[in-house]
Amino acid sequence: MKYAISIISLALIFGMSGCGYKEGVATASQKSYLYFSGNTNDVKVSVDGGKSFDVKEGQENQYTIKSGKHLVEVYRDNKIIVKREIFVSDGIAKEIEVQ
């Protein structure tokens, strides 16, 4: 009788230990960054033809974008002063120089 109870207990322990186990690898979402150097006074930036936004100069002012290929356009007084096609890898910060 003790032998049967021991076997049933072991079977339950092994059976229950598999419950809730999840297999796989969790990764963070892919993000890259842009930052601007040079004269960023009165400039607007558009990425991939999207809504334009103001930027601040310096590496500490980074703007998040998805990894991959992008078209970056920098405007001053409604004129394009920088138009650059870039490719950024996951976790990379890309500098855009504004003159």
PDB file of N, CA and C in Angstrom:
ATOM      1  N   MET A   1       0.827  -1.194   0.000  1.00  0.00           N
ATOM      2  CA  MET A   1       0.000   0.000   0.000  1.00  0.00           C
ATOM      3  C   MET A   1       0.875   1.262   0.000  1.00  0.00           C
ATOM      4  N   LYS A   2       1.906   1.275   0.839  1.00  0.00           N
ATOM      5  CA  LYS A   2       2.799   2.427   0.887  1.00  0.00           C
ATOM      6  C   LYS A   2       3.493   2.623  -0.465  1.00  0.00           C
ATOM      7  N   TYR A   3       3.803   1.521  -1.112  1.00  0.00           N
ATOM      8  CA  TYR A   3       4.461   1.574  -2.417  1.00  0.00           C
ATOM      9  C   TYR A   3       3.545   2.238  -3.452  1.00  0.00           C
ATOM     10  N   ALA A   4       2.271   1.897  -3.458  1.00  0.00           N
ATOM     11  CA  ALA A   4       1.304   2.462  -4.394  1.00  0.00           C
ATOM     12  C   ALA A   4       1.115   3.957  -4.140  1.00  0.00           C
ATOM     13  N   ILE A   5       1.054   4.358  -2.873  1.00  0.00           N
ATOM     14  CA  ILE A   5       0.889   5.774  -2.522  1.00  0.00           C
ATOM     15  C   ILE A   5       2.127   6.563  -2.951  1.00  0.00           C
ATOM     16  N   SER A   6       3.301   5.987  -2.780  1.00  0.00           N
ATOM     17  CA  SER A   6       4.535   6.656  -3.199  1.00  0.00           C
ATOM     18  C   SER A   6       4.571   6.865  -4.708  1.00  0.00           C
ATOM     19  N   ILE A   7       4.173   5.849  -5.456  1.00  0.00           N
ATOM     20  CA  ILE A   7       4.175   5.968  -6.927  1.00  0.00           C
ATOM     21  C   ILE A   7       3.152   7.003  -7.377  1.00  0.00           C
ATOM     22  N   ILE A   8       1.979   7.008  -6.805  1.00  0.00           N
ATOM     23  CA  ILE A   8       0.940   7.981  -7.171  1.00  0.00           C
ATOM     24  C   ILE A   8       1.402   9.393  -6.803  1.00  0.00           C
ATOM     25  N   SER A   9       2.028   9.545  -5.648  1.00  0.00           N
ATOM     26  CA  SER A   9       2.530  10.861  -5.238  1.00  0.00           C
ATOM     27  C   SER A   9       3.596  11.370  -6.193  1.00  0.00           C
ATOM     28  N   LEU A  10       4.532  10.506  -6.579  1.00  0.00           N
ATOM     29  CA  LEU A  10       5.563  10.895  -7.539  1.00  0.00           C
ATOM     30  C   LEU A  10       4.966  11.266  -8.889  1.00  0.00           C
ATOM     31  N   ALA A  11       3.980  10.509  -9.346  1.00  0.00           N
ATOM     32  CA  ALA A  11       3.324  10.801 -10.624  1.00  0.00           C
ATOM     33  C   ALA A  11       2.630  12.158 -10.571  1.00  0.00           C
ATOM     34  N   LEU A  12       1.989  12.458  -9.453  1.00  0.00           N
ATOM     35  CA  LEU A  12       1.331  13.761  -9.313  1.00  0.00           C
ATOM     36  C   LEU A  12       2.348  14.898  -9.274  1.00  0.00           C
ATOM     37  N   ILE A  13       3.450  14.688  -8.582  1.00  0.00           N
ATOM     38  CA  ILE A  13       4.486  15.733  -8.504  1.00  0.00           C
ATOM     39  C   ILE A  13       5.052  16.013  -9.892  1.00  0.00           C
ATOM     40  N   PHE A  14       5.398  14.963 -10.630  1.00  0.00           N
ATOM     41  CA  PHE A  14       5.951  15.155 -11.974  1.00  0.00           C
ATOM     42  C   PHE A  14       4.906  15.720 -12.932  1.00  0.00           C
ATOM     43  N   GLY A  15       3.668  15.297 -12.786  1.00  0.00           N
ATOM     44  CA  GLY A  15       2.599  15.799 -13.647  1.00  0.00           C
ATOM     45  C   GLY A  15       2.304  17.263 -13.407  1.00  0.00           C
ATOM     46  N   MET A  16       2.300  17.669 -12.152  1.00  0.00           N
ATOM     47  CA  MET A  16       1.995  19.054 -11.800  1.00  0.00           C
ATOM     48  C   MET A  16       3.163  19.994 -12.090  1.00  0.00           C
ATOM     49  N   SER A  17       4.388  19.468 -12.072  1.00  0.00           N
ATOM     50  CA  SER A  17       5.540  20.343 -12.298  1.00  0.00           C
ATOM     51  C   SER A  17       5.590  20.866 -13.729  1.00  0.00           C
ATOM     52  N   GLY A  18       4.963  20.176 -14.660  1.00  0.00           N
ATOM     53  CA  GLY A  18       4.955  20.622 -16.051  1.00  0.00           C
ATOM     54  C   GLY A  18       3.916  21.694 -16.329  1.00  0.00           C
ATOM     55  N   CYS A  19       2.980  21.879 -15.441  1.00  0.00           N
ATOM     56  CA  CYS A  19       1.920  22.866 -15.658  1.00  0.00           C
ATOM     57  C   CYS A  19       2.482  24.280 -15.538  1.00  0.00           C
ATOM     58  N   GLY A  20       2.132  25.112 -16.471  1.00  0.00           N
ATOM     59  CA  GLY A  20       2.527  26.506 -16.409  1.00  0.00           C
ATOM     60  C   GLY A  20       3.888  26.804 -16.980  1.00  0.00           C
ATOM     61  N   TYR A  21       4.606  25.824 -17.431  1.00  0.00           N
ATOM     62  CA  TYR A  21       5.927  26.066 -18.012  1.00  0.00           C
ATOM     63  C   TYR A  21       5.757  26.631 -19.408  1.00  0.00           C
ATOM     64  N   LYS A  22       6.417  27.723 -19.679  1.00  0.00           N
ATOM     65  CA  LYS A  22       6.334  28.360 -20.985  1.00  0.00           C
ATOM     66  C   LYS A  22       7.709  28.354 -21.614  1.00  0.00           C
ATOM     67  N   GLU A  23       7.747  27.980 -22.857  1.00  0.00           N
ATOM     68  CA  GLU A  23       9.014  27.904 -23.566  1.00  0.00           C
ATOM     69  C   GLU A  23       9.086  29.039 -24.568  1.00  0.00           C
ATOM     70  N   GLY A  24      10.259  29.606 -24.747  1.00  0.00           N
ATOM     71  CA  GLY A  24      10.431  30.656 -25.730  1.00  0.00           C
ATOM     72  C   GLY A  24      11.372  31.725 -25.228  1.00  0.00           C
ATOM     73  N   VAL A  25      11.577  32.687 -26.089  1.00  0.00           N
ATOM     74  CA  VAL A  25      12.480  33.783 -25.770  1.00  0.00           C
ATOM     75  C   VAL A  25      11.700  35.082 -25.891  1.00  0.00           C
ATOM     76  N   ALA A  26      11.760  35.886 -24.852  1.00  0.00           N
ATOM     77  CA  ALA A  26      11.102  37.195 -24.885  1.00  0.00           C
ATOM     78  C   ALA A  26      12.131  38.242 -25.276  1.00  0.00           C
ATOM     79  N   THR A  27      11.782  39.080 -26.234  1.00  0.00           N
ATOM     80  CA  THR A  27      12.676  40.152 -26.649  1.00  0.00           C
ATOM     81  C   THR A  27      11.947  41.480 -26.546  1.00  0.00           C
ATOM     82  N   ALA A  28      12.708  42.515 -26.323  1.00  0.00           N
ATOM     83  CA  ALA A  28      12.134  43.857 -26.279  1.00  0.00           C
ATOM     84  C   ALA A  28      11.775  44.294 -27.697  1.00  0.00           C
ATOM     85  N   SER A  29      10.836  45.209 -27.807  1.00  0.00           N
ATOM     86  CA  SER A  29      10.472  45.702 -29.125  1.00  0.00           C
ATOM     87  C   SER A  29      11.659  46.422 -29.762  1.00  0.00           C
ATOM     88  N   GLN A  30      11.709  46.353 -31.068  1.00  0.00           N
ATOM     89  CA  GLN A  30      12.833  46.920 -31.793  1.00  0.00           C
ATOM     90  C   GLN A  30      12.698  48.439 -31.850  1.00  0.00           C
ATOM     91  N   LYS A  31      13.679  49.114 -31.288  1.00  0.00           N
ATOM     92  CA  LYS A  31      13.693  50.572 -31.276  1.00  0.00           C
ATOM     93  C   LYS A  31      15.072  51.055 -31.685  1.00  0.00           C
ATOM     94  N   SER A  32      15.077  52.168 -32.365  1.00  0.00           N
ATOM     95  CA  SER A  32      16.304  52.874 -32.708  1.00  0.00           C
ATOM     96  C   SER A  32      16.077  54.334 -32.361  1.00  0.00           C
ATOM     97  N   TYR A  33      17.117  55.132 -32.510  1.00  0.00           N
ATOM     98  CA  TYR A  33      17.019  56.527 -32.060  1.00  0.00           C
ATOM     99  C   TYR A  33      17.674  57.470 -33.063  1.00  0.00           C
ATOM    100  N   LEU A  34      17.129  58.680 -33.131  1.00  0.00           N
ATOM    101  CA  LEU A  34      17.729  59.772 -33.893  1.00  0.00           C
ATOM    102  C   LEU A  34      18.101  60.873 -32.915  1.00  0.00           C
ATOM    103  N   TYR A  35      19.216  61.537 -33.199  1.00  0.00           N
ATOM    104  CA  TYR A  35      19.524  62.768 -32.486  1.00  0.00           C
ATOM    105  C   TYR A  35      20.136  63.742 -33.476  1.00  0.00           C
ATOM    106  N   PHE A  36      20.056  65.010 -33.156  1.00  0.00           N
ATOM    107  CA  PHE A  36      20.411  66.057 -34.100  1.00  0.00           C
ATOM    108  C   PHE A  36      21.539  66.913 -33.542  1.00  0.00           C
ATOM    109  N   SER A  37      22.453  67.285 -34.420  1.00  0.00           N
ATOM    110  CA  SER A  37      23.560  68.156 -34.032  1.00  0.00           C
ATOM    111  C   SER A  37      23.579  69.358 -34.960  1.00  0.00           C
ATOM    112  N   GLY A  38      24.281  70.398 -34.560  1.00  0.00           N
ATOM    113  CA  GLY A  38      24.373  71.613 -35.372  1.00  0.00           C
ATOM    114  C   GLY A  38      23.316  72.626 -34.976  1.00  0.00           C
ATOM    115  N   ASN A  39      22.899  73.422 -35.940  1.00  0.00           N
ATOM    116  CA  ASN A  39      21.945  74.506 -35.693  1.00  0.00           C
ATOM    117  C   ASN A  39      20.518  73.985 -35.834  1.00  0.00           C
ATOM    118  N   THR A  40      19.900  73.645 -34.720  1.00  0.00           N
ATOM    119  CA  THR A  40      18.526  73.125 -34.749  1.00  0.00           C
ATOM    120  C   THR A  40      17.490  74.199 -34.415  1.00  0.00           C
ATOM    121  N   ASN A  41      17.904  75.457 -34.393  1.00  0.00           N
ATOM    122  CA  ASN A  41      16.957  76.544 -34.122  1.00  0.00           C
ATOM    123  C   ASN A  41      15.944  76.642 -35.247  1.00  0.00           C
ATOM    124  N   ASP A  42      14.663  76.698 -34.868  1.00  0.00           N
ATOM    125  CA  ASP A  42      13.553  76.894 -35.815  1.00  0.00           C
ATOM    126  C   ASP A  42      13.497  75.831 -36.898  1.00  0.00           C
ATOM    127  N   VAL A  43      13.816  74.577 -36.578  1.00  0.00           N
ATOM    128  CA  VAL A  43      13.691  73.516 -37.573  1.00  0.00           C
ATOM    129  C   VAL A  43      12.552  72.581 -37.184  1.00  0.00           C
ATOM    130  N   LYS A  44      11.993  71.959 -38.193  1.00  0.00           N
ATOM    131  CA  LYS A  44      10.976  70.919 -38.039  1.00  0.00           C
ATOM    132  C   LYS A  44      11.517  69.675 -38.728  1.00  0.00           C
ATOM    133  N   VAL A  45      11.206  68.521 -38.175  1.00  0.00           N
ATOM    134  CA  VAL A  45      11.691  67.262 -38.730  1.00  0.00           C
ATOM    135  C   VAL A  45      10.498  66.379 -39.063  1.00  0.00           C
ATOM    136  N   SER A  46      10.592  65.705 -40.197  1.00  0.00           N
ATOM    137  CA  SER A  46       9.592  64.736 -40.603  1.00  0.00           C
ATOM    138  C   SER A  46      10.307  63.424 -40.919  1.00  0.00           C
ATOM    139  N   VAL A  47       9.765  62.326 -40.406  1.00  0.00           N
ATOM    140  CA  VAL A  47      10.326  61.005 -40.680  1.00  0.00           C
ATOM    141  C   VAL A  47       9.314  60.230 -41.509  1.00  0.00           C
ATOM    142  N   ASP A  48       9.750  59.771 -42.677  1.00  0.00           N
ATOM    143  CA  ASP A  48       8.911  59.001 -43.600  1.00  0.00           C
ATOM    144  C   ASP A  48       7.644  59.742 -44.009  1.00  0.00           C
ATOM    145  N   GLY A  49       7.739  61.053 -44.131  1.00  0.00           N
ATOM    146  CA  GLY A  49       6.588  61.844 -44.574  1.00  0.00           C
ATOM    147  C   GLY A  49       5.523  62.037 -43.517  1.00  0.00           C
ATOM    148  N   GLY A  50       5.818  61.697 -42.274  1.00  0.00           N
ATOM    149  CA  GLY A  50       4.846  61.838 -41.181  1.00  0.00           C
ATOM    150  C   GLY A  50       4.747  63.269 -40.688  1.00  0.00           C
ATOM    151  N   LYS A  51       3.992  63.439 -39.618  1.00  0.00           N
ATOM    152  CA  LYS A  51       3.790  64.749 -39.022  1.00  0.00           C
ATOM    153  C   LYS A  51       5.127  65.317 -38.556  1.00  0.00           C
ATOM    154  N   SER A  52       5.384  66.586 -38.851  1.00  0.00           N
ATOM    155  CA  SER A  52       6.655  67.204 -38.467  1.00  0.00           C
ATOM    156  C   SER A  52       6.640  67.588 -36.986  1.00  0.00           C
ATOM    157  N   PHE A  53       7.832  67.623 -36.405  1.00  0.00           N
ATOM    158  CA  PHE A  53       7.975  67.936 -34.989  1.00  0.00           C
ATOM    159  C   PHE A  53       9.249  68.736 -34.767  1.00  0.00           C
ATOM    160  N   ASP A  54       9.274  69.494 -33.663  1.00  0.00           N
ATOM    161  CA  ASP A  54      10.452  70.277 -33.275  1.00  0.00           C
ATOM    162  C   ASP A  54      11.479  69.359 -32.635  1.00  0.00           C
ATOM    163  N   VAL A  55      12.751  69.704 -32.768  1.00  0.00           N
ATOM    164  CA  VAL A  55      13.813  68.926 -32.135  1.00  0.00           C
ATOM    165  C   VAL A  55      14.757  69.839 -31.376  1.00  0.00           C
ATOM    166  N   LYS A  56      15.472  69.237 -30.442  1.00  0.00           N
ATOM    167  CA  LYS A  56      16.523  69.931 -29.706  1.00  0.00           C
ATOM    168  C   LYS A  56      17.852  69.308 -30.081  1.00  0.00           C
ATOM    169  N   GLU A  57      18.895  70.114 -30.032  1.00  0.00           N
ATOM    170  CA  GLU A  57      20.236  69.677 -30.413  1.00  0.00           C
ATOM    171  C   GLU A  57      20.867  68.879 -29.284  1.00  0.00           C
ATOM    172  N   GLY A  58      21.651  67.869 -29.626  1.00  0.00           N
ATOM    173  CA  GLY A  58      22.441  67.131 -28.647  1.00  0.00           C
ATOM    174  C   GLY A  58      22.103  65.674 -28.555  1.00  0.00           C
ATOM    175  N   GLN A  59      23.114  64.888 -28.214  1.00  0.00           N
ATOM    176  CA  GLN A  59      22.954  63.446 -28.121  1.00  0.00           C
ATOM    177  C   GLN A  59      22.022  63.036 -26.973  1.00  0.00           C
ATOM    178  N   GLU A  60      21.890  63.895 -25.971  1.00  0.00           N
ATOM    179  CA  GLU A  60      20.998  63.582 -24.856  1.00  0.00           C
ATOM    180  C   GLU A  60      19.527  63.737 -25.232  1.00  0.00           C
ATOM    181  N   ASN A  61      19.233  64.374 -26.376  1.00  0.00           N
ATOM    182  CA  ASN A  61      17.858  64.541 -26.866  1.00  0.00           C
ATOM    183  C   ASN A  61      17.626  63.563 -28.012  1.00  0.00           C
ATOM    184  N   GLN A  62      17.294  62.317 -27.657  1.00  0.00           N
ATOM    185  CA  GLN A  62      17.108  61.282 -28.665  1.00  0.00           C
ATOM    186  C   GLN A  62      15.625  61.050 -28.915  1.00  0.00           C
ATOM    187  N   TYR A  63      15.309  60.758 -30.170  1.00  0.00           N
ATOM    188  CA  TYR A  63      13.938  60.549 -30.603  1.00  0.00           C
ATOM    189  C   TYR A  63      13.812  59.109 -31.095  1.00  0.00           C
ATOM    190  N   THR A  64      12.822  58.387 -30.577  1.00  0.00           N
ATOM    191  CA  THR A  64      12.656  56.969 -30.865  1.00  0.00           C
ATOM    192  C   THR A  64      12.002  56.755 -32.228  1.00  0.00           C
ATOM    193  N   ILE A  65      12.581  55.835 -33.007  1.00  0.00           N
ATOM    194  CA  ILE A  65      11.984  55.402 -34.267  1.00  0.00           C
ATOM    195  C   ILE A  65      12.117  53.883 -34.347  1.00  0.00           C
ATOM    196  N   LYS A  66      11.390  53.278 -35.248  1.00  0.00           N
ATOM    197  CA  LYS A  66      11.522  51.840 -35.468  1.00  0.00           C
ATOM    198  C   LYS A  66      12.820  51.564 -36.216  1.00  0.00           C
ATOM    199  N   SER A  67      13.363  50.395 -35.987  1.00  0.00           N
ATOM    200  CA  SER A  67      14.551  49.983 -36.722  1.00  0.00           C
ATOM    201  C   SER A  67      14.189  49.818 -38.192  1.00  0.00           C
ATOM    202  N   GLY A  68      15.165  50.084 -39.058  1.00  0.00           N
ATOM    203  CA  GLY A  68      14.939  49.900 -40.482  1.00  0.00           C
ATOM    204  C   GLY A  68      15.305  51.132 -41.288  1.00  0.00           C
ATOM    205  N   LYS A  69      14.770  51.171 -42.497  1.00  0.00           N
ATOM    206  CA  LYS A  69      15.060  52.239 -43.459  1.00  0.00           C
ATOM    207  C   LYS A  69      14.056  53.379 -43.293  1.00  0.00           C
ATOM    208  N   HIS A  70      14.560  54.617 -43.275  1.00  0.00           N
ATOM    209  CA  HIS A  70      13.700  55.793 -43.090  1.00  0.00           C
ATOM    210  C   HIS A  70      14.180  56.961 -43.944  1.00  0.00           C
ATOM    211  N   LEU A  71      13.242  57.829 -44.301  1.00  0.00           N
ATOM    212  CA  LEU A  71      13.552  59.085 -44.970  1.00  0.00           C
ATOM    213  C   LEU A  71      13.371  60.200 -43.942  1.00  0.00           C
ATOM    214  N   VAL A  72      14.467  60.916 -43.646  1.00  0.00           N
ATOM    215  CA  VAL A  72      14.439  62.005 -42.664  1.00  0.00           C
ATOM    216  C   VAL A  72      14.560  63.317 -43.422  1.00  0.00           C
ATOM    217  N   GLU A  73      13.604  64.230 -43.189  1.00  0.00           N
ATOM    218  CA  GLU A  73      13.614  65.546 -43.827  1.00  0.00           C
ATOM    219  C   GLU A  73      13.600  66.612 -42.733  1.00  0.00           C
ATOM    220  N   VAL A  74      14.515  67.562 -42.848  1.00  0.00           N
ATOM    221  CA  VAL A  74      14.612  68.660 -41.884  1.00  0.00           C
ATOM    222  C   VAL A  74      14.270  69.949 -42.626  1.00  0.00           C
ATOM    223  N   TYR A  75      13.321  70.713 -42.068  1.00  0.00           N
ATOM    224  CA  TYR A  75      12.844  71.948 -42.691  1.00  0.00           C
ATOM    225  C   TYR A  75      13.204  73.155 -41.836  1.00  0.00           C
ATOM    226  N   ARG A  76      13.511  74.242 -42.505  1.00  0.00           N
ATOM    227  CA  ARG A  76      13.642  75.549 -41.849  1.00  0.00           C
ATOM    228  C   ARG A  76      12.964  76.547 -42.788  1.00  0.00           C
ATOM    229  N   ASP A  77      12.052  77.333 -42.249  1.00  0.00           N
ATOM    230  CA  ASP A  77      11.278  78.296 -43.047  1.00  0.00           C
ATOM    231  C   ASP A  77      10.608  77.614 -44.233  1.00  0.00           C
ATOM    232  N   ASN A  78      10.029  76.437 -43.983  1.00  0.00           N
ATOM    233  CA  ASN A  78       9.308  75.646 -44.990  1.00  0.00           C
ATOM    234  C   ASN A  78      10.171  75.211 -46.172  1.00  0.00           C
ATOM    235  N   LYS A  79      11.479  75.198 -46.017  1.00  0.00           N
ATOM    236  CA  LYS A  79      12.400  74.734 -47.056  1.00  0.00           C
ATOM    237  C   LYS A  79      13.177  73.538 -46.510  1.00  0.00           C
ATOM    238  N   ILE A  80      13.361  72.541 -47.346  1.00  0.00           N
ATOM    239  CA  ILE A  80      14.135  71.370 -46.927  1.00  0.00           C
ATOM    240  C   ILE A  80      15.612  71.744 -46.885  1.00  0.00           C
ATOM    241  N   ILE A  81      16.220  71.562 -45.710  1.00  0.00           N
ATOM    242  CA  ILE A  81      17.654  71.841 -45.599  1.00  0.00           C
ATOM    243  C   ILE A  81      18.461  70.544 -45.460  1.00  0.00           C
ATOM    244  N   VAL A  82      17.793  69.465 -45.035  1.00  0.00           N
ATOM    245  CA  VAL A  82      18.428  68.149 -44.987  1.00  0.00           C
ATOM    246  C   VAL A  82      17.392  67.130 -45.443  1.00  0.00           C
ATOM    247  N   LYS A  83      17.791  66.291 -46.382  1.00  0.00           N
ATOM    248  CA  LYS A  83      16.940  65.187 -46.829  1.00  0.00           C
ATOM    249  C   LYS A  83      17.852  63.978 -46.941  1.00  0.00           C
ATOM    250  N   ARG A  84      17.654  63.023 -46.034  1.00  0.00           N
ATOM    251  CA  ARG A  84      18.580  61.902 -45.967  1.00  0.00           C
ATOM    252  C   ARG A  84      17.810  60.596 -45.771  1.00  0.00           C
ATOM    253  N   GLU A  85      18.193  59.599 -46.556  1.00  0.00           N
ATOM    254  CA  GLU A  85      17.656  58.261 -46.370  1.00  0.00           C
ATOM    255  C   GLU A  85      18.643  57.501 -45.492  1.00  0.00           C
ATOM    256  N   ILE A  86      18.143  56.944 -44.387  1.00  0.00           N
ATOM    257  CA  ILE A  86      19.024  56.290 -43.424  1.00  0.00           C
ATOM    258  C   ILE A  86      18.536  54.873 -43.164  1.00  0.00           C
ATOM    259  N   PHE A  87      19.428  54.062 -42.636  1.00  0.00           N
ATOM    260  CA  PHE A  87      19.080  52.737 -42.125  1.00  0.00           C
ATOM    261  C   PHE A  87      19.639  52.643 -40.720  1.00  0.00           C
ATOM    262  N   VAL A  88      18.783  52.315 -39.763  1.00  0.00           N
ATOM    263  CA  VAL A  88      19.231  52.174 -38.378  1.00  0.00           C
ATOM    264  C   VAL A  88      18.894  50.776 -37.874  1.00  0.00           C
ATOM    265  N   SER A  89      19.870  50.171 -37.226  1.00  0.00           N
ATOM    266  CA  SER A  89      19.690  48.849 -36.631  1.00  0.00           C
ATOM    267  C   SER A  89      19.077  48.980 -35.246  1.00  0.00           C
ATOM    268  N   ASP A  90      18.617  47.875 -34.716  1.00  0.00           N
ATOM    269  CA  ASP A  90      17.995  47.836 -33.407  1.00  0.00           C
ATOM    270  C   ASP A  90      18.970  48.325 -32.330  1.00  0.00           C
ATOM    271  N   GLY A  91      18.530  49.296 -31.533  1.00  0.00           N
ATOM    272  CA  GLY A  91      19.319  49.801 -30.426  1.00  0.00           C
ATOM    273  C   GLY A  91      20.370  50.823 -30.808  1.00  0.00           C
ATOM    274  N   ILE A  92      20.409  51.266 -32.055  1.00  0.00           N
ATOM    275  CA  ILE A  92      21.424  52.201 -32.538  1.00  0.00           C
ATOM    276  C   ILE A  92      20.869  53.613 -32.529  1.00  0.00           C
ATOM    277  N   ALA A  93      21.722  54.579 -32.172  1.00  0.00           N
ATOM    278  CA  ALA A  93      21.377  55.997 -32.241  1.00  0.00           C
ATOM    279  C   ALA A  93      22.111  56.611 -33.443  1.00  0.00           C
ATOM    280  N   LYS A  94      21.365  57.255 -34.334  1.00  0.00           N
ATOM    281  CA  LYS A  94      21.925  57.842 -35.560  1.00  0.00           C
ATOM    282  C   LYS A  94      21.905  59.361 -35.440  1.00  0.00           C
ATOM    283  N   GLU A  95      23.042  59.982 -35.749  1.00  0.00           N
ATOM    284  CA  GLU A  95      23.147  61.431 -35.706  1.00  0.00           C
ATOM    285  C   GLU A  95      22.761  62.021 -37.056  1.00  0.00           C
ATOM    286  N   ILE A  96      21.970  63.084 -37.038  1.00  0.00           N
ATOM    287  CA  ILE A  96      21.643  63.854 -38.222  1.00  0.00           C
ATOM    288  C   ILE A  96      22.194  65.253 -38.002  1.00  0.00           C
ATOM    289  N   GLU A  97      23.125  65.664 -38.855  1.00  0.00           N
ATOM    290  CA  GLU A  97      23.740  66.981 -38.718  1.00  0.00           C
ATOM    291  C   GLU A  97      22.922  68.016 -39.468  1.00  0.00           C
ATOM    292  N   VAL A  98      22.609  69.113 -38.784  1.00  0.00           N
ATOM    293  CA  VAL A  98      21.816  70.206 -39.349  1.00  0.00           C
ATOM    294  C   VAL A  98      22.714  71.437 -39.443  1.00  0.00           C
ATOM    295  N   GLN A  99      22.715  72.089 -40.606  1.00  0.00           N
ATOM    296  CA  GLN A  99      23.541  73.281 -40.772  1.00  0.00           C
ATOM    297  C   GLN A  99      22.688  74.496 -41.027  1.00  0.00           C
TER     298      GLN A  99
END
